[in-house]
Amino acid sequence: MKKIILSLALITLFGAAAVANPIKKETKEVKTSESNVTWKGYKVGGSHTGTIALKSGALEFDGEKLVGGEFVVDMTSINTTDLEGDYKGKLDGHLKSDDFFGTDNHPTAKLVFTKVKATGKNSYSVTGDLTIKGTTEPVTFDVSVYGDKATATMKVDRTKYNVKYGSGIIGTAKDKLIYDEFDLVVDLQM
C-alpha cells in the first residue's frame, strides 16, 4: 500500500512539473526571397552548378534548440549558373525533363525533418524524409543555426529518386557519365 501511495505521489509530482514547464515550440518561417539553395552536379568531364528556389519553409525550435523543420522546393526554378546562352538553356531544359526531375509532373520536392540531434552549441545532425519525383527516402545532413540564419549541406543520391539519366557507364563519351550524388548547400534567413 505504501508503494502504491509513493508511486501515485511521484506521478503527481512529475506530472505537475511537466504541466508547469511545457515545451515551448516556436516555428520560424523562412524568408524564401532572402534564402539560397545552390546545387552542384558532377560528371566525369567536370561539374555544373546552379540554384533552385525555396517555395516555403520553416524551422521549429524549443527555446534556442532546433527540434524540427519542413521545406518545399520549387523544382521548376532549376537554374544553371555556370553556363550561358544555348548551353544553359539546353541543360536547364534537360534537368526539368523526365530524364531528370520531371518538373511538369513533379513541380515541387519536399523535406520533412524526422530526427534532430545536437552535435554542438549551434550544430545539429538532422535526418529527414526527402521526396523527389514522388519518391521519399531518408537523408542525413548537418545544420548550423546562428540567430536568424541557418546553413545546411547535404549529398543526395539521385538514383534513389528514379533520376538515373547518365548514371553508370553508357557509351564512350565521358560527358555522358554523370555521378549519382549531387551536393546541396542551403543558406536560410528567418
N, C-alpha and C. Protein backbone atom coordinates (compact mmCIF):
# COMPACT_ATOMS: atom_id res chain seq x y z
N MET A 1 0.82 -1.19 0.00
CA MET A 1 0.00 0.00 0.00
C MET A 1 0.87 1.26 0.00
N LYS A 2 1.98 1.23 0.81
CA LYS A 2 2.87 2.38 0.86
C LYS A 2 3.51 2.61 -0.51
N LYS A 3 3.85 1.51 -1.23
CA LYS A 3 4.46 1.65 -2.55
C LYS A 3 3.49 2.28 -3.54
N ILE A 4 2.22 1.93 -3.45
CA ILE A 4 1.21 2.50 -4.34
C ILE A 4 1.06 4.00 -4.07
N ILE A 5 0.99 4.37 -2.80
CA ILE A 5 0.85 5.78 -2.43
C ILE A 5 2.09 6.56 -2.88
N LEU A 6 3.29 5.99 -2.66
CA LEU A 6 4.53 6.65 -3.07
C LEU A 6 4.56 6.81 -4.60
N SER A 7 4.16 5.77 -5.33
CA SER A 7 4.12 5.83 -6.79
C SER A 7 3.16 6.90 -7.27
N LEU A 8 1.97 6.97 -6.68
CA LEU A 8 1.00 7.99 -7.05
C LEU A 8 1.52 9.39 -6.75
N ALA A 9 2.21 9.55 -5.63
CA ALA A 9 2.77 10.85 -5.27
C ALA A 9 3.83 11.28 -6.28
N LEU A 10 4.70 10.34 -6.69
CA LEU A 10 5.74 10.66 -7.67
C LEU A 10 5.13 11.00 -9.03
N ILE A 11 4.15 10.24 -9.45
CA ILE A 11 3.47 10.52 -10.73
C ILE A 11 2.84 11.91 -10.70
N THR A 12 2.19 12.23 -9.58
CA THR A 12 1.55 13.54 -9.44
C THR A 12 2.60 14.65 -9.46
N LEU A 13 3.71 14.45 -8.76
CA LEU A 13 4.77 15.46 -8.69
C LEU A 13 5.38 15.69 -10.08
N PHE A 14 5.78 14.62 -10.78
CA PHE A 14 6.40 14.77 -12.09
C PHE A 14 5.39 15.21 -13.14
N GLY A 15 4.17 14.78 -13.02
CA GLY A 15 3.12 15.24 -13.94
C GLY A 15 2.86 16.72 -13.80
N ALA A 16 2.85 17.21 -12.57
CA ALA A 16 2.65 18.64 -12.33
C ALA A 16 3.83 19.44 -12.86
N ALA A 17 5.04 18.90 -12.71
CA ALA A 17 6.23 19.59 -13.22
C ALA A 17 6.17 19.68 -14.74
N ALA A 18 5.70 18.63 -15.39
CA ALA A 18 5.61 18.65 -16.86
C ALA A 18 4.58 19.67 -17.33
N VAL A 19 3.47 19.80 -16.60
CA VAL A 19 2.45 20.78 -16.96
C VAL A 19 2.95 22.20 -16.68
N ALA A 20 3.70 22.35 -15.59
CA ALA A 20 4.22 23.67 -15.23
C ALA A 20 5.31 24.13 -16.19
N ASN A 21 6.04 23.18 -16.82
CA ASN A 21 7.13 23.53 -17.73
C ASN A 21 6.91 22.88 -19.10
N PRO A 22 5.85 23.25 -19.81
CA PRO A 22 5.60 22.63 -21.10
C PRO A 22 6.67 23.07 -22.11
N ILE A 23 6.88 22.23 -23.11
CA ILE A 23 7.82 22.57 -24.18
C ILE A 23 7.24 23.72 -24.97
N LYS A 24 8.05 24.76 -25.14
CA LYS A 24 7.61 25.94 -25.89
C LYS A 24 8.18 25.85 -27.29
N LYS A 25 7.44 25.28 -28.21
CA LYS A 25 7.90 25.20 -29.59
C LYS A 25 7.55 26.49 -30.30
N GLU A 26 8.55 26.99 -31.01
CA GLU A 26 8.36 28.18 -31.81
C GLU A 26 8.70 27.83 -33.26
N THR A 27 7.83 28.20 -34.16
CA THR A 27 8.08 27.97 -35.58
C THR A 27 8.54 29.28 -36.21
N LYS A 28 9.70 29.22 -36.85
CA LYS A 28 10.24 30.39 -37.54
C LYS A 28 10.13 30.15 -39.04
N GLU A 29 9.32 30.97 -39.69
CA GLU A 29 9.16 30.87 -41.15
C GLU A 29 10.43 31.37 -41.83
N VAL A 30 10.80 30.71 -42.89
CA VAL A 30 11.98 31.09 -43.66
C VAL A 30 11.59 32.17 -44.66
N LYS A 31 12.43 33.18 -44.78
CA LYS A 31 12.22 34.23 -45.79
C LYS A 31 12.76 33.68 -47.11
N THR A 32 11.85 33.15 -47.91
CA THR A 32 12.27 32.44 -49.12
C THR A 32 13.00 33.34 -50.11
N SER A 33 12.62 34.61 -50.19
CA SER A 33 13.27 35.51 -51.15
C SER A 33 14.68 35.89 -50.72
N GLU A 34 15.01 35.70 -49.44
CA GLU A 34 16.34 36.04 -48.94
C GLU A 34 17.20 34.81 -48.69
N SER A 35 16.64 33.62 -48.90
CA SER A 35 17.36 32.37 -48.69
C SER A 35 17.87 31.83 -50.02
N ASN A 36 18.93 31.03 -49.96
CA ASN A 36 19.54 30.50 -51.18
C ASN A 36 19.75 29.00 -51.08
N VAL A 37 19.45 28.30 -52.17
CA VAL A 37 19.78 26.88 -52.29
C VAL A 37 20.62 26.75 -53.56
N THR A 38 21.85 26.27 -53.40
CA THR A 38 22.72 26.04 -54.55
C THR A 38 22.98 24.55 -54.69
N TRP A 39 23.16 24.11 -55.93
CA TRP A 39 23.44 22.71 -56.19
C TRP A 39 24.70 22.60 -57.03
N LYS A 40 25.32 21.42 -56.93
CA LYS A 40 26.48 21.12 -57.76
C LYS A 40 26.39 19.66 -58.16
N GLY A 41 26.36 19.42 -59.46
CA GLY A 41 26.32 18.06 -60.00
C GLY A 41 27.64 17.76 -60.69
N TYR A 42 28.07 16.52 -60.60
CA TYR A 42 29.38 16.14 -61.11
C TYR A 42 29.26 15.15 -62.26
N LYS A 43 30.19 15.27 -63.20
CA LYS A 43 30.30 14.33 -64.31
C LYS A 43 31.78 14.05 -64.51
N VAL A 44 32.10 13.03 -65.29
CA VAL A 44 33.49 12.67 -65.50
C VAL A 44 34.27 13.85 -66.07
N GLY A 45 33.66 14.62 -66.95
CA GLY A 45 34.34 15.74 -67.58
C GLY A 45 34.31 17.03 -66.77
N GLY A 46 33.81 17.04 -65.55
CA GLY A 46 33.75 18.27 -64.75
C GLY A 46 32.52 18.33 -63.87
N SER A 47 31.89 19.50 -63.83
CA SER A 47 30.71 19.68 -62.97
C SER A 47 29.89 20.84 -63.49
N HIS A 48 28.68 20.96 -62.94
CA HIS A 48 27.81 22.11 -63.21
C HIS A 48 27.25 22.59 -61.88
N THR A 49 26.98 23.89 -61.80
CA THR A 49 26.42 24.47 -60.59
C THR A 49 25.18 25.27 -60.94
N GLY A 50 24.36 25.49 -59.92
CA GLY A 50 23.16 26.27 -60.15
C GLY A 50 22.41 26.57 -58.87
N THR A 51 21.22 27.09 -59.04
CA THR A 51 20.37 27.44 -57.91
C THR A 51 18.99 26.81 -58.11
N ILE A 52 18.25 26.79 -57.03
CA ILE A 52 16.87 26.34 -57.04
C ILE A 52 16.16 27.11 -55.93
N ALA A 53 14.91 27.50 -56.14
CA ALA A 53 14.21 28.37 -55.19
C ALA A 53 13.41 27.58 -54.16
N LEU A 54 13.41 28.10 -52.94
CA LEU A 54 12.50 27.59 -51.91
C LEU A 54 11.12 28.15 -52.15
N LYS A 55 10.12 27.30 -52.07
CA LYS A 55 8.73 27.76 -52.17
C LYS A 55 8.20 28.14 -50.80
N SER A 56 8.58 27.33 -49.80
CA SER A 56 8.20 27.61 -48.41
C SER A 56 9.13 26.84 -47.49
N GLY A 57 9.16 27.26 -46.23
CA GLY A 57 9.98 26.55 -45.27
C GLY A 57 9.86 27.13 -43.89
N ALA A 58 10.14 26.29 -42.91
CA ALA A 58 10.10 26.72 -41.51
C ALA A 58 10.98 25.80 -40.68
N LEU A 59 11.56 26.37 -39.64
CA LEU A 59 12.31 25.60 -38.65
C LEU A 59 11.57 25.70 -37.33
N GLU A 60 11.57 24.61 -36.56
CA GLU A 60 10.94 24.59 -35.25
C GLU A 60 12.01 24.58 -34.17
N PHE A 61 11.77 25.38 -33.13
CA PHE A 61 12.71 25.49 -32.03
C PHE A 61 12.01 25.26 -30.71
N ASP A 62 12.73 24.68 -29.76
CA ASP A 62 12.34 24.62 -28.36
C ASP A 62 13.33 25.52 -27.65
N GLY A 63 12.93 26.75 -27.37
CA GLY A 63 13.88 27.76 -26.89
C GLY A 63 14.81 28.10 -28.05
N GLU A 64 16.12 27.89 -27.84
CA GLU A 64 17.09 28.14 -28.91
C GLU A 64 17.51 26.85 -29.60
N LYS A 65 16.95 25.72 -29.19
CA LYS A 65 17.35 24.41 -29.71
C LYS A 65 16.47 24.01 -30.90
N LEU A 66 17.12 23.68 -32.01
CA LEU A 66 16.42 23.21 -33.20
C LEU A 66 15.80 21.85 -32.92
N VAL A 67 14.48 21.70 -33.23
CA VAL A 67 13.80 20.43 -32.98
C VAL A 67 13.04 19.91 -34.20
N GLY A 68 12.92 20.71 -35.28
CA GLY A 68 12.19 20.23 -36.45
C GLY A 68 12.27 21.21 -37.60
N GLY A 69 11.70 20.81 -38.71
CA GLY A 69 11.67 21.68 -39.88
C GLY A 69 10.98 21.02 -41.05
N GLU A 70 10.54 21.84 -41.98
CA GLU A 70 9.86 21.34 -43.18
C GLU A 70 10.06 22.36 -44.30
N PHE A 71 10.37 21.87 -45.50
CA PHE A 71 10.67 22.75 -46.64
C PHE A 71 10.05 22.21 -47.91
N VAL A 72 9.63 23.11 -48.79
CA VAL A 72 9.15 22.77 -50.12
C VAL A 72 10.00 23.56 -51.12
N VAL A 73 10.54 22.86 -52.12
CA VAL A 73 11.40 23.46 -53.13
C VAL A 73 10.64 23.52 -54.45
N ASP A 74 10.76 24.63 -55.15
CA ASP A 74 10.14 24.82 -56.47
C ASP A 74 11.06 24.22 -57.53
N MET A 75 10.80 22.99 -57.93
CA MET A 75 11.66 22.29 -58.89
C MET A 75 11.65 22.95 -60.27
N THR A 76 10.61 23.71 -60.58
CA THR A 76 10.55 24.38 -61.88
C THR A 76 11.54 25.53 -61.97
N SER A 77 12.14 25.90 -60.84
CA SER A 77 13.08 27.02 -60.82
C SER A 77 14.54 26.59 -61.01
N ILE A 78 14.78 25.32 -61.34
CA ILE A 78 16.15 24.85 -61.55
C ILE A 78 16.85 25.79 -62.53
N ASN A 79 18.02 26.27 -62.11
CA ASN A 79 18.74 27.27 -62.89
C ASN A 79 20.23 26.94 -62.86
N THR A 80 20.83 26.80 -64.03
CA THR A 80 22.26 26.57 -64.14
C THR A 80 22.98 27.92 -64.11
N THR A 81 24.01 28.04 -63.28
CA THR A 81 24.71 29.32 -63.15
C THR A 81 26.10 29.33 -63.76
N ASP A 82 26.60 28.17 -64.19
CA ASP A 82 27.96 28.14 -64.75
C ASP A 82 27.97 28.12 -66.28
N LEU A 83 26.81 28.21 -66.90
CA LEU A 83 26.71 28.24 -68.36
C LEU A 83 25.91 29.46 -68.79
N GLU A 84 26.05 29.80 -70.07
CA GLU A 84 25.27 30.90 -70.65
C GLU A 84 24.73 30.47 -72.00
N GLY A 85 23.75 31.23 -72.49
CA GLY A 85 23.24 31.04 -73.84
C GLY A 85 22.57 29.71 -74.07
N ASP A 86 22.80 29.15 -75.28
CA ASP A 86 22.15 27.90 -75.68
C ASP A 86 22.49 26.74 -74.75
N TYR A 87 23.76 26.65 -74.32
CA TYR A 87 24.15 25.54 -73.44
C TYR A 87 23.38 25.59 -72.12
N LYS A 88 23.22 26.78 -71.57
CA LYS A 88 22.45 26.94 -70.34
C LYS A 88 21.00 26.53 -70.56
N GLY A 89 20.40 27.01 -71.63
CA GLY A 89 19.01 26.68 -71.93
C GLY A 89 18.80 25.19 -72.12
N LYS A 90 19.74 24.54 -72.80
CA LYS A 90 19.63 23.09 -73.03
C LYS A 90 19.75 22.33 -71.72
N LEU A 91 20.72 22.70 -70.88
CA LEU A 91 20.88 21.97 -69.62
C LEU A 91 19.70 22.21 -68.69
N ASP A 92 19.25 23.47 -68.56
CA ASP A 92 18.08 23.75 -67.72
C ASP A 92 16.88 22.94 -68.19
N GLY A 93 16.64 22.92 -69.50
CA GLY A 93 15.52 22.15 -70.04
C GLY A 93 15.66 20.66 -69.79
N HIS A 94 16.89 20.15 -69.93
CA HIS A 94 17.11 18.72 -69.72
C HIS A 94 16.90 18.35 -68.25
N LEU A 95 17.37 19.20 -67.32
CA LEU A 95 17.17 18.93 -65.90
C LEU A 95 15.69 18.93 -65.52
N LYS A 96 14.89 19.72 -66.21
CA LYS A 96 13.45 19.78 -65.93
C LYS A 96 12.69 18.64 -66.62
N SER A 97 13.32 17.97 -67.57
CA SER A 97 12.65 16.91 -68.34
C SER A 97 12.51 15.63 -67.50
N ASP A 98 11.78 14.67 -68.06
CA ASP A 98 11.58 13.39 -67.37
C ASP A 98 12.88 12.60 -67.22
N ASP A 99 13.92 12.90 -68.03
CA ASP A 99 15.21 12.25 -67.84
C ASP A 99 15.77 12.53 -66.45
N PHE A 100 15.47 13.71 -65.94
CA PHE A 100 15.96 14.10 -64.62
C PHE A 100 14.80 14.29 -63.65
N PHE A 101 14.34 15.52 -63.42
CA PHE A 101 13.41 15.79 -62.33
C PHE A 101 11.94 15.87 -62.74
N GLY A 102 11.62 15.79 -64.02
CA GLY A 102 10.23 15.73 -64.47
C GLY A 102 9.34 16.79 -63.85
N THR A 103 9.73 18.05 -63.98
CA THR A 103 9.05 19.12 -63.26
C THR A 103 7.61 19.37 -63.73
N ASP A 104 7.25 18.92 -64.93
CA ASP A 104 5.85 19.07 -65.36
C ASP A 104 4.93 18.25 -64.47
N ASN A 105 5.36 17.06 -64.10
CA ASN A 105 4.55 16.18 -63.25
C ASN A 105 4.91 16.28 -61.77
N HIS A 106 6.10 16.79 -61.48
CA HIS A 106 6.59 16.88 -60.09
C HIS A 106 7.18 18.27 -59.87
N PRO A 107 6.34 19.30 -59.77
CA PRO A 107 6.84 20.67 -59.69
C PRO A 107 7.49 21.04 -58.36
N THR A 108 7.33 20.21 -57.34
CA THR A 108 7.94 20.51 -56.05
C THR A 108 8.65 19.28 -55.50
N ALA A 109 9.59 19.52 -54.60
CA ALA A 109 10.23 18.49 -53.79
C ALA A 109 10.03 18.93 -52.35
N LYS A 110 10.08 17.97 -51.42
CA LYS A 110 9.78 18.30 -50.03
C LYS A 110 10.76 17.61 -49.10
N LEU A 111 11.12 18.30 -48.02
CA LEU A 111 11.96 17.75 -46.97
C LEU A 111 11.27 17.98 -45.63
N VAL A 112 11.10 16.90 -44.87
CA VAL A 112 10.50 16.97 -43.53
C VAL A 112 11.47 16.35 -42.54
N PHE A 113 11.90 17.14 -41.54
CA PHE A 113 12.80 16.63 -40.52
C PHE A 113 12.08 15.56 -39.71
N THR A 114 12.76 14.45 -39.45
CA THR A 114 12.20 13.38 -38.61
C THR A 114 12.98 13.18 -37.32
N LYS A 115 14.26 13.63 -37.32
CA LYS A 115 15.09 13.48 -36.12
C LYS A 115 16.14 14.59 -36.13
N VAL A 116 16.30 15.26 -35.00
CA VAL A 116 17.30 16.32 -34.86
C VAL A 116 18.13 16.02 -33.62
N LYS A 117 19.45 15.94 -33.80
CA LYS A 117 20.35 15.65 -32.68
C LYS A 117 21.40 16.75 -32.60
N ALA A 118 21.51 17.37 -31.44
CA ALA A 118 22.52 18.41 -31.23
C ALA A 118 23.90 17.76 -31.25
N THR A 119 24.84 18.37 -32.01
CA THR A 119 26.21 17.88 -32.07
C THR A 119 27.20 18.91 -31.54
N GLY A 120 26.69 20.08 -31.18
CA GLY A 120 27.50 21.17 -30.64
C GLY A 120 26.56 22.29 -30.24
N LYS A 121 27.13 23.43 -29.85
CA LYS A 121 26.30 24.54 -29.38
C LYS A 121 25.29 24.99 -30.43
N ASN A 122 25.70 25.15 -31.67
CA ASN A 122 24.82 25.61 -32.74
C ASN A 122 24.73 24.61 -33.89
N SER A 123 25.19 23.39 -33.66
CA SER A 123 25.29 22.40 -34.73
C SER A 123 24.39 21.21 -34.46
N TYR A 124 23.84 20.67 -35.55
CA TYR A 124 22.90 19.57 -35.43
C TYR A 124 23.12 18.56 -36.55
N SER A 125 22.85 17.31 -36.24
CA SER A 125 22.75 16.27 -37.26
C SER A 125 21.26 16.02 -37.45
N VAL A 126 20.80 16.17 -38.69
CA VAL A 126 19.37 16.06 -38.97
C VAL A 126 19.12 14.89 -39.91
N THR A 127 18.11 14.12 -39.61
CA THR A 127 17.61 13.09 -40.52
C THR A 127 16.23 13.54 -40.95
N GLY A 128 15.95 13.41 -42.23
CA GLY A 128 14.66 13.83 -42.73
C GLY A 128 14.21 12.97 -43.88
N ASP A 129 12.94 13.09 -44.21
CA ASP A 129 12.36 12.42 -45.37
C ASP A 129 12.37 13.39 -46.53
N LEU A 130 13.13 13.06 -47.58
CA LEU A 130 13.23 13.88 -48.78
C LEU A 130 12.39 13.22 -49.87
N THR A 131 11.48 14.00 -50.45
CA THR A 131 10.62 13.50 -51.53
C THR A 131 10.98 14.23 -52.82
N ILE A 132 11.40 13.46 -53.83
CA ILE A 132 11.70 13.95 -55.16
C ILE A 132 11.00 13.02 -56.15
N LYS A 133 10.31 13.58 -57.12
CA LYS A 133 9.59 12.80 -58.15
C LYS A 133 8.66 11.76 -57.53
N GLY A 134 8.03 12.12 -56.41
CA GLY A 134 7.06 11.23 -55.78
C GLY A 134 7.67 10.11 -54.96
N THR A 135 8.98 10.05 -54.86
CA THR A 135 9.66 9.01 -54.09
C THR A 135 10.25 9.65 -52.83
N THR A 136 10.00 9.01 -51.68
CA THR A 136 10.50 9.52 -50.40
C THR A 136 11.57 8.58 -49.86
N GLU A 137 12.72 9.16 -49.52
CA GLU A 137 13.84 8.42 -48.95
C GLU A 137 14.44 9.24 -47.81
N PRO A 138 15.03 8.57 -46.81
CA PRO A 138 15.66 9.31 -45.72
C PRO A 138 17.02 9.89 -46.16
N VAL A 139 17.34 11.07 -45.63
CA VAL A 139 18.65 11.69 -45.82
C VAL A 139 19.13 12.20 -44.47
N THR A 140 20.44 12.23 -44.29
CA THR A 140 21.04 12.77 -43.07
C THR A 140 22.03 13.84 -43.48
N PHE A 141 22.02 14.97 -42.76
CA PHE A 141 22.86 16.09 -43.12
C PHE A 141 23.11 16.95 -41.89
N ASP A 142 24.04 17.90 -42.03
CA ASP A 142 24.41 18.79 -40.93
C ASP A 142 23.74 20.14 -41.11
N VAL A 143 23.32 20.73 -39.98
CA VAL A 143 22.72 22.06 -39.96
C VAL A 143 23.40 22.88 -38.87
N SER A 144 23.70 24.14 -39.17
CA SER A 144 24.21 25.09 -38.18
C SER A 144 23.23 26.25 -38.09
N VAL A 145 22.93 26.68 -36.87
CA VAL A 145 21.98 27.78 -36.66
C VAL A 145 22.67 28.86 -35.84
N TYR A 146 22.62 30.09 -36.37
CA TYR A 146 23.18 31.26 -35.68
C TYR A 146 22.15 32.38 -35.76
N GLY A 147 21.42 32.61 -34.67
CA GLY A 147 20.39 33.65 -34.65
C GLY A 147 19.31 33.37 -35.68
N ASP A 148 19.12 34.31 -36.60
CA ASP A 148 18.09 34.15 -37.63
C ASP A 148 18.65 33.59 -38.94
N LYS A 149 19.81 32.94 -38.86
CA LYS A 149 20.42 32.33 -40.04
C LYS A 149 20.68 30.86 -39.77
N ALA A 150 20.54 30.05 -40.80
CA ALA A 150 20.86 28.63 -40.70
C ALA A 150 21.51 28.19 -42.01
N THR A 151 22.44 27.26 -41.92
CA THR A 151 23.07 26.70 -43.11
C THR A 151 23.02 25.19 -43.02
N ALA A 152 22.92 24.57 -44.17
CA ALA A 152 22.91 23.11 -44.24
C ALA A 152 23.66 22.67 -45.49
N THR A 153 24.30 21.52 -45.40
CA THR A 153 24.93 20.91 -46.56
C THR A 153 24.51 19.45 -46.60
N MET A 154 24.27 18.96 -47.81
CA MET A 154 23.90 17.55 -47.93
C MET A 154 24.29 17.00 -49.28
N LYS A 155 24.51 15.70 -49.31
CA LYS A 155 24.70 14.96 -50.55
C LYS A 155 23.44 14.17 -50.79
N VAL A 156 22.98 14.16 -52.04
CA VAL A 156 21.77 13.44 -52.40
C VAL A 156 22.11 12.45 -53.50
N ASP A 157 21.75 11.19 -53.31
CA ASP A 157 21.91 10.17 -54.34
C ASP A 157 20.67 10.20 -55.21
N ARG A 158 20.79 10.77 -56.39
CA ARG A 158 19.64 10.98 -57.28
C ARG A 158 19.00 9.68 -57.74
N THR A 159 19.77 8.58 -57.78
CA THR A 159 19.20 7.32 -58.28
C THR A 159 18.15 6.76 -57.33
N LYS A 160 18.18 7.15 -56.06
CA LYS A 160 17.16 6.70 -55.10
C LYS A 160 15.80 7.31 -55.41
N TYR A 161 15.79 8.37 -56.25
CA TYR A 161 14.56 9.08 -56.59
C TYR A 161 14.20 8.89 -58.07
N ASN A 162 14.70 7.82 -58.65
CA ASN A 162 14.43 7.48 -60.04
C ASN A 162 14.92 8.56 -61.01
N VAL A 163 16.06 9.17 -60.67
CA VAL A 163 16.73 10.13 -61.55
C VAL A 163 18.01 9.43 -61.98
N LYS A 164 17.93 8.68 -63.07
CA LYS A 164 19.03 7.77 -63.43
C LYS A 164 19.69 8.10 -64.75
N TYR A 165 19.31 9.17 -65.40
CA TYR A 165 19.91 9.50 -66.69
C TYR A 165 21.43 9.68 -66.54
N GLY A 166 22.20 9.01 -67.39
CA GLY A 166 23.66 9.14 -67.38
C GLY A 166 24.34 8.48 -66.20
N SER A 167 23.62 7.70 -65.42
CA SER A 167 24.20 7.02 -64.27
C SER A 167 24.92 5.77 -64.76
N GLY A 168 26.11 5.53 -64.26
CA GLY A 168 26.87 4.36 -64.67
C GLY A 168 27.50 4.57 -66.03
N ILE A 169 28.01 3.51 -66.59
CA ILE A 169 28.72 3.61 -67.87
C ILE A 169 27.74 3.39 -69.01
N ILE A 170 27.58 4.43 -69.85
CA ILE A 170 26.78 4.32 -71.06
C ILE A 170 27.58 4.91 -72.21
N GLY A 171 27.82 4.13 -73.21
CA GLY A 171 28.58 4.65 -74.35
C GLY A 171 30.02 4.94 -73.96
N THR A 172 30.69 5.72 -74.79
CA THR A 172 32.09 6.02 -74.55
C THR A 172 32.35 7.49 -74.28
N ALA A 173 31.34 8.34 -74.45
CA ALA A 173 31.55 9.78 -74.26
C ALA A 173 31.63 10.10 -72.78
N LYS A 174 32.78 10.65 -72.34
CA LYS A 174 32.95 10.94 -70.91
C LYS A 174 31.94 11.97 -70.42
N ASP A 175 31.43 12.82 -71.31
CA ASP A 175 30.46 13.83 -70.91
C ASP A 175 29.11 13.22 -70.56
N LYS A 176 28.88 11.98 -70.96
CA LYS A 176 27.60 11.32 -70.69
C LYS A 176 27.56 10.63 -69.33
N LEU A 177 28.70 10.42 -68.69
CA LEU A 177 28.74 9.74 -67.40
C LEU A 177 28.57 10.78 -66.29
N ILE A 178 27.44 10.72 -65.59
CA ILE A 178 27.09 11.68 -64.55
C ILE A 178 27.11 10.96 -63.21
N TYR A 179 27.77 11.54 -62.23
CA TYR A 179 27.84 10.91 -60.92
C TYR A 179 26.45 10.89 -60.28
N ASP A 180 26.22 9.87 -59.46
CA ASP A 180 24.90 9.69 -58.85
C ASP A 180 24.61 10.72 -57.77
N GLU A 181 25.63 11.16 -57.04
CA GLU A 181 25.41 12.11 -55.95
C GLU A 181 25.59 13.54 -56.43
N PHE A 182 24.74 14.42 -55.91
CA PHE A 182 24.93 15.85 -56.12
C PHE A 182 24.88 16.53 -54.76
N ASP A 183 25.45 17.73 -54.69
CA ASP A 183 25.54 18.48 -53.44
C ASP A 183 24.50 19.58 -53.40
N LEU A 184 23.97 19.82 -52.21
CA LEU A 184 23.10 20.97 -51.96
C LEU A 184 23.70 21.77 -50.80
N VAL A 185 23.77 23.07 -50.98
CA VAL A 185 24.18 23.98 -49.90
C VAL A 185 23.03 24.97 -49.71
N VAL A 186 22.54 25.04 -48.48
CA VAL A 186 21.36 25.85 -48.18
C VAL A 186 21.72 26.93 -47.17
N ASP A 187 21.40 28.18 -47.52
CA ASP A 187 21.58 29.30 -46.60
C ASP A 187 20.19 29.90 -46.36
N LEU A 188 19.73 29.82 -45.12
CA LEU A 188 18.38 30.25 -44.77
C LEU A 188 18.40 31.53 -43.96
N GLN A 189 17.43 32.39 -44.24
CA GLN A 189 17.18 33.61 -43.46
C GLN A 189 15.78 33.47 -42.86
N MET A 190 15.68 33.72 -41.57
CA MET A 190 14.37 33.60 -40.91
C MET A 190 13.90 34.96 -40.42
